[in-house]
Amino acid sequence: RDRRFRIEHAQHLTFPQIAALARQHVIASMQPYHAIDDGRWAAKRLDAARLQGTYAFRALLDSGAVLAFGSDWSVATLDPLWGIYAAVTRRTLDDQNPLGWIPAQKITVEEALRAYTVGDTYALFRERELGSLTPGKLADIAVIDRDLLTMPAESLAHARVAMTIAGGKVVFRR
């Protein structure tokens, strides 16, 4: 009876809709990379009120909603490090928003990582076996070439996967 409804591409929301998602336990499935891409042109197509709830990562988390991040491959890059960069900095690809496009909706690196891991596995009903480095869970991991939690946010897009371990075996090494 556990139904985990979700809205894919939950990118243009009103604040009452955000509150309803949290209240009804609907998962907001989002692709953060689109925020730094769409941020270049969205103001020409959406009114100011609608823009405030566009890619509203912070408002969703603050409301108690579950956030699940993905890439939207092949429309956007498959690289989750770019998605983390997008969610944390909100700097548009044209660099016209160096402080972030709608900066009130920025989230932390830890929150973005959680959306890509714990949030995704919860949406898949697999949180008991995947999503966090916890005893008893499968430990497929990516080793990054720097500490994402301490590096400057502007540099997140330059981080690279150094190694990937899946099923207990190294499947990629840079």
Protein backbone atom coordinates (compact mmCIF):
# COMPACT_ATOMS: atom_id res chain seq x y z
CA ARG A 1 0.00 0.00 0.00
CA ASP A 2 3.04 2.29 0.03
CA ARG A 3 2.48 4.48 -2.99
CA ARG A 4 5.27 6.88 -3.78
CA PHE A 5 3.82 9.19 -6.32
CA ARG A 6 6.19 11.59 -7.98
CA ILE A 7 6.11 14.43 -10.41
CA GLU A 8 8.78 14.22 -13.07
CA HIS A 9 10.26 17.54 -14.16
CA ALA A 10 8.76 19.34 -11.14
CA GLN A 11 10.41 22.51 -12.31
CA HIS A 12 7.82 25.32 -12.48
CA LEU A 13 5.79 25.24 -9.27
CA THR A 14 3.82 27.72 -7.22
CA PHE A 15 4.40 27.89 -3.48
CA PRO A 16 0.94 26.40 -2.74
CA GLN A 17 1.87 23.49 -5.04
CA ILE A 18 5.15 23.03 -3.16
CA ALA A 19 3.26 22.88 0.14
CA ALA A 20 0.82 20.36 -1.37
CA LEU A 21 3.68 18.12 -2.57
CA ALA A 22 5.06 17.97 0.96
CA ARG A 23 1.66 17.48 2.59
CA GLN A 24 0.71 14.68 0.17
CA HIS A 25 4.18 13.07 0.24
CA VAL A 26 4.64 13.43 -3.52
CA ILE A 27 8.27 13.17 -4.61
CA ALA A 28 9.63 16.08 -6.65
CA SER A 29 11.79 14.50 -9.34
CA MET A 30 14.01 17.19 -10.82
CA GLN A 31 16.97 17.66 -13.10
CA PRO A 32 19.05 20.48 -11.60
CA TYR A 33 21.18 21.01 -14.71
CA HIS A 34 18.09 22.45 -16.43
CA ALA A 35 18.07 25.34 -13.94
CA ILE A 36 21.37 26.71 -15.24
CA ASP A 37 20.31 26.10 -18.82
CA ASP A 38 16.71 27.35 -18.63
CA GLY A 39 17.79 30.28 -16.46
CA ARG A 40 19.17 31.91 -19.60
CA TRP A 41 15.71 32.35 -21.17
CA ALA A 42 12.97 31.55 -18.63
CA ALA A 43 12.38 35.20 -17.62
CA LYS A 44 11.25 35.88 -21.21
CA ARG A 45 8.55 33.21 -20.98
CA LEU A 46 7.41 33.13 -17.34
CA ASP A 47 6.04 35.92 -15.16
CA ALA A 48 7.87 37.04 -12.01
CA ALA A 49 5.59 35.09 -9.65
CA ARG A 50 6.08 31.82 -11.56
CA LEU A 51 9.85 32.37 -11.71
CA GLN A 52 10.09 32.36 -7.90
CA GLY A 53 8.96 28.73 -7.83
CA THR A 54 11.12 27.65 -10.76
CA TYR A 55 13.59 24.91 -9.81
CA ALA A 56 12.63 25.66 -6.20
CA PHE A 57 15.11 23.27 -4.58
CA ARG A 58 15.33 25.19 -1.29
CA ALA A 59 11.58 25.73 -0.95
CA LEU A 60 10.90 22.05 -1.62
CA LEU A 61 13.40 20.88 0.99
CA ASP A 62 12.23 23.45 3.52
CA SER A 63 8.63 22.29 3.01
CA GLY A 64 9.61 18.72 3.87
CA ALA A 65 9.13 17.38 0.35
CA VAL A 66 11.36 14.57 -0.92
CA LEU A 67 13.68 15.66 -3.71
CA ALA A 68 15.00 13.11 -6.21
CA PHE A 69 17.59 14.36 -8.70
CA GLY A 70 18.45 12.96 -12.10
CA SER A 71 20.12 13.98 -15.32
CA ASP A 72 17.39 13.84 -18.00
CA TRP A 73 19.92 12.18 -20.29
CA SER A 74 20.11 12.61 -23.30
CA VAL A 75 18.55 16.06 -23.19
CA ALA A 76 21.11 17.26 -20.62
CA THR A 77 24.49 16.04 -19.48
CA LEU A 78 24.61 12.68 -17.75
CA ASP A 79 27.27 13.99 -15.33
CA PRO A 80 25.77 14.38 -11.81
CA LEU A 81 28.66 16.67 -10.82
CA TRP A 82 27.19 19.29 -13.17
CA GLY A 83 23.82 18.76 -11.53
CA ILE A 84 25.33 19.31 -8.10
CA TYR A 85 27.06 22.44 -9.39
CA ALA A 86 23.73 23.66 -10.79
CA ALA A 87 21.76 23.03 -7.58
CA VAL A 88 24.40 24.65 -5.38
CA THR A 89 25.45 27.67 -7.47
CA ARG A 90 22.53 28.24 -9.87
CA ARG A 91 25.02 30.07 -12.12
CA THR A 92 23.52 30.03 -15.60
CA LEU A 93 25.54 28.66 -18.50
CA ASP A 94 25.82 32.12 -20.06
CA ASP A 95 27.40 33.38 -16.78
CA GLN A 96 24.87 36.22 -16.63
CA ASN A 97 23.98 35.22 -13.06
CA PRO A 98 27.30 34.86 -11.23
CA LEU A 99 25.57 34.96 -7.81
CA GLY A 100 23.00 32.44 -8.96
CA TRP A 101 19.72 32.62 -10.83
CA ILE A 102 17.04 33.01 -8.14
CA PRO A 103 19.70 32.50 -5.46
CA ALA A 104 17.14 31.96 -2.69
CA GLN A 105 16.62 28.48 -4.16
CA LYS A 106 20.24 27.33 -3.79
CA ILE A 107 20.91 24.23 -1.70
CA THR A 108 24.06 22.84 -0.11
CA VAL A 109 26.35 20.23 -1.63
CA GLU A 110 25.24 17.76 1.04
CA GLU A 111 21.58 18.35 0.19
CA ALA A 112 22.26 17.89 -3.53
CA LEU A 113 24.18 14.66 -2.89
CA ARG A 114 21.29 13.42 -0.75
CA ALA A 115 18.80 14.16 -3.56
CA TYR A 116 20.96 12.18 -6.02
CA THR A 117 21.35 9.21 -3.66
CA VAL A 118 18.91 8.83 -0.77
CA GLY A 119 16.11 10.68 -2.58
CA ASP A 120 16.46 8.58 -5.72
CA THR A 121 16.55 5.25 -3.92
CA TYR A 122 13.52 6.24 -1.83
CA ALA A 123 11.62 7.01 -5.06
CA LEU A 124 12.57 3.54 -6.31
CA PHE A 125 11.54 1.73 -3.08
CA ARG A 126 15.18 0.63 -2.72
CA GLU A 127 16.32 2.76 0.23
CA ARG A 128 16.87 -0.34 2.39
CA GLU A 129 19.58 -1.64 0.04
CA LEU A 130 20.99 1.42 -1.75
CA GLY A 131 21.52 5.15 -1.46
CA SER A 132 23.81 5.60 1.53
CA LEU A 133 27.02 4.14 2.87
CA THR A 134 25.42 2.15 5.65
CA PRO A 135 26.31 -1.31 6.98
CA GLY A 136 24.30 -3.95 5.15
CA LYS A 137 23.65 -1.88 2.04
CA LEU A 138 25.21 -2.37 -1.36
CA ALA A 139 28.19 -0.06 -1.70
CA ASP A 140 28.38 1.01 -5.31
CA ILE A 141 30.37 4.22 -5.06
CA ALA A 142 32.08 6.87 -7.12
CA VAL A 143 35.35 8.26 -5.80
CA ILE A 144 35.75 11.93 -6.72
CA ASP A 145 39.16 13.57 -7.21
CA ARG A 146 38.48 16.23 -4.55
CA ASP A 147 36.32 16.85 -1.50
CA LEU A 148 33.00 18.20 -2.77
CA LEU A 149 31.98 19.29 0.72
CA THR A 150 34.92 21.63 1.27
CA MET A 151 35.83 22.95 -2.19
CA PRO A 152 34.55 26.29 -3.49
CA ALA A 153 31.11 25.86 -5.03
CA GLU A 154 32.21 27.53 -8.27
CA SER A 155 34.71 24.69 -8.80
CA LEU A 156 32.21 21.82 -8.45
CA ALA A 157 31.83 21.46 -12.22
CA HIS A 158 35.59 20.80 -12.49
CA ALA A 159 35.56 17.81 -10.14
CA ARG A 160 36.04 14.45 -11.85
CA VAL A 161 35.27 10.85 -11.05
CA ALA A 162 38.56 9.14 -10.22
CA MET A 163 37.13 5.65 -9.73
CA THR A 164 33.82 3.82 -9.70
CA ILE A 165 33.20 0.66 -7.71
CA ALA A 166 30.12 -1.43 -8.52
CA GLY A 167 29.30 -4.81 -7.06
CA GLY A 168 32.53 -4.69 -5.08
CA LYS A 169 34.67 -4.38 -8.23
CA VAL A 170 36.45 -1.39 -9.71
CA VAL A 171 34.64 -0.79 -13.00
CA PHE A 172 36.24 2.55 -13.87
CA ARG A 173 39.56 4.14 -13.00
CA ARG A 174 40.79 7.44 -14.44
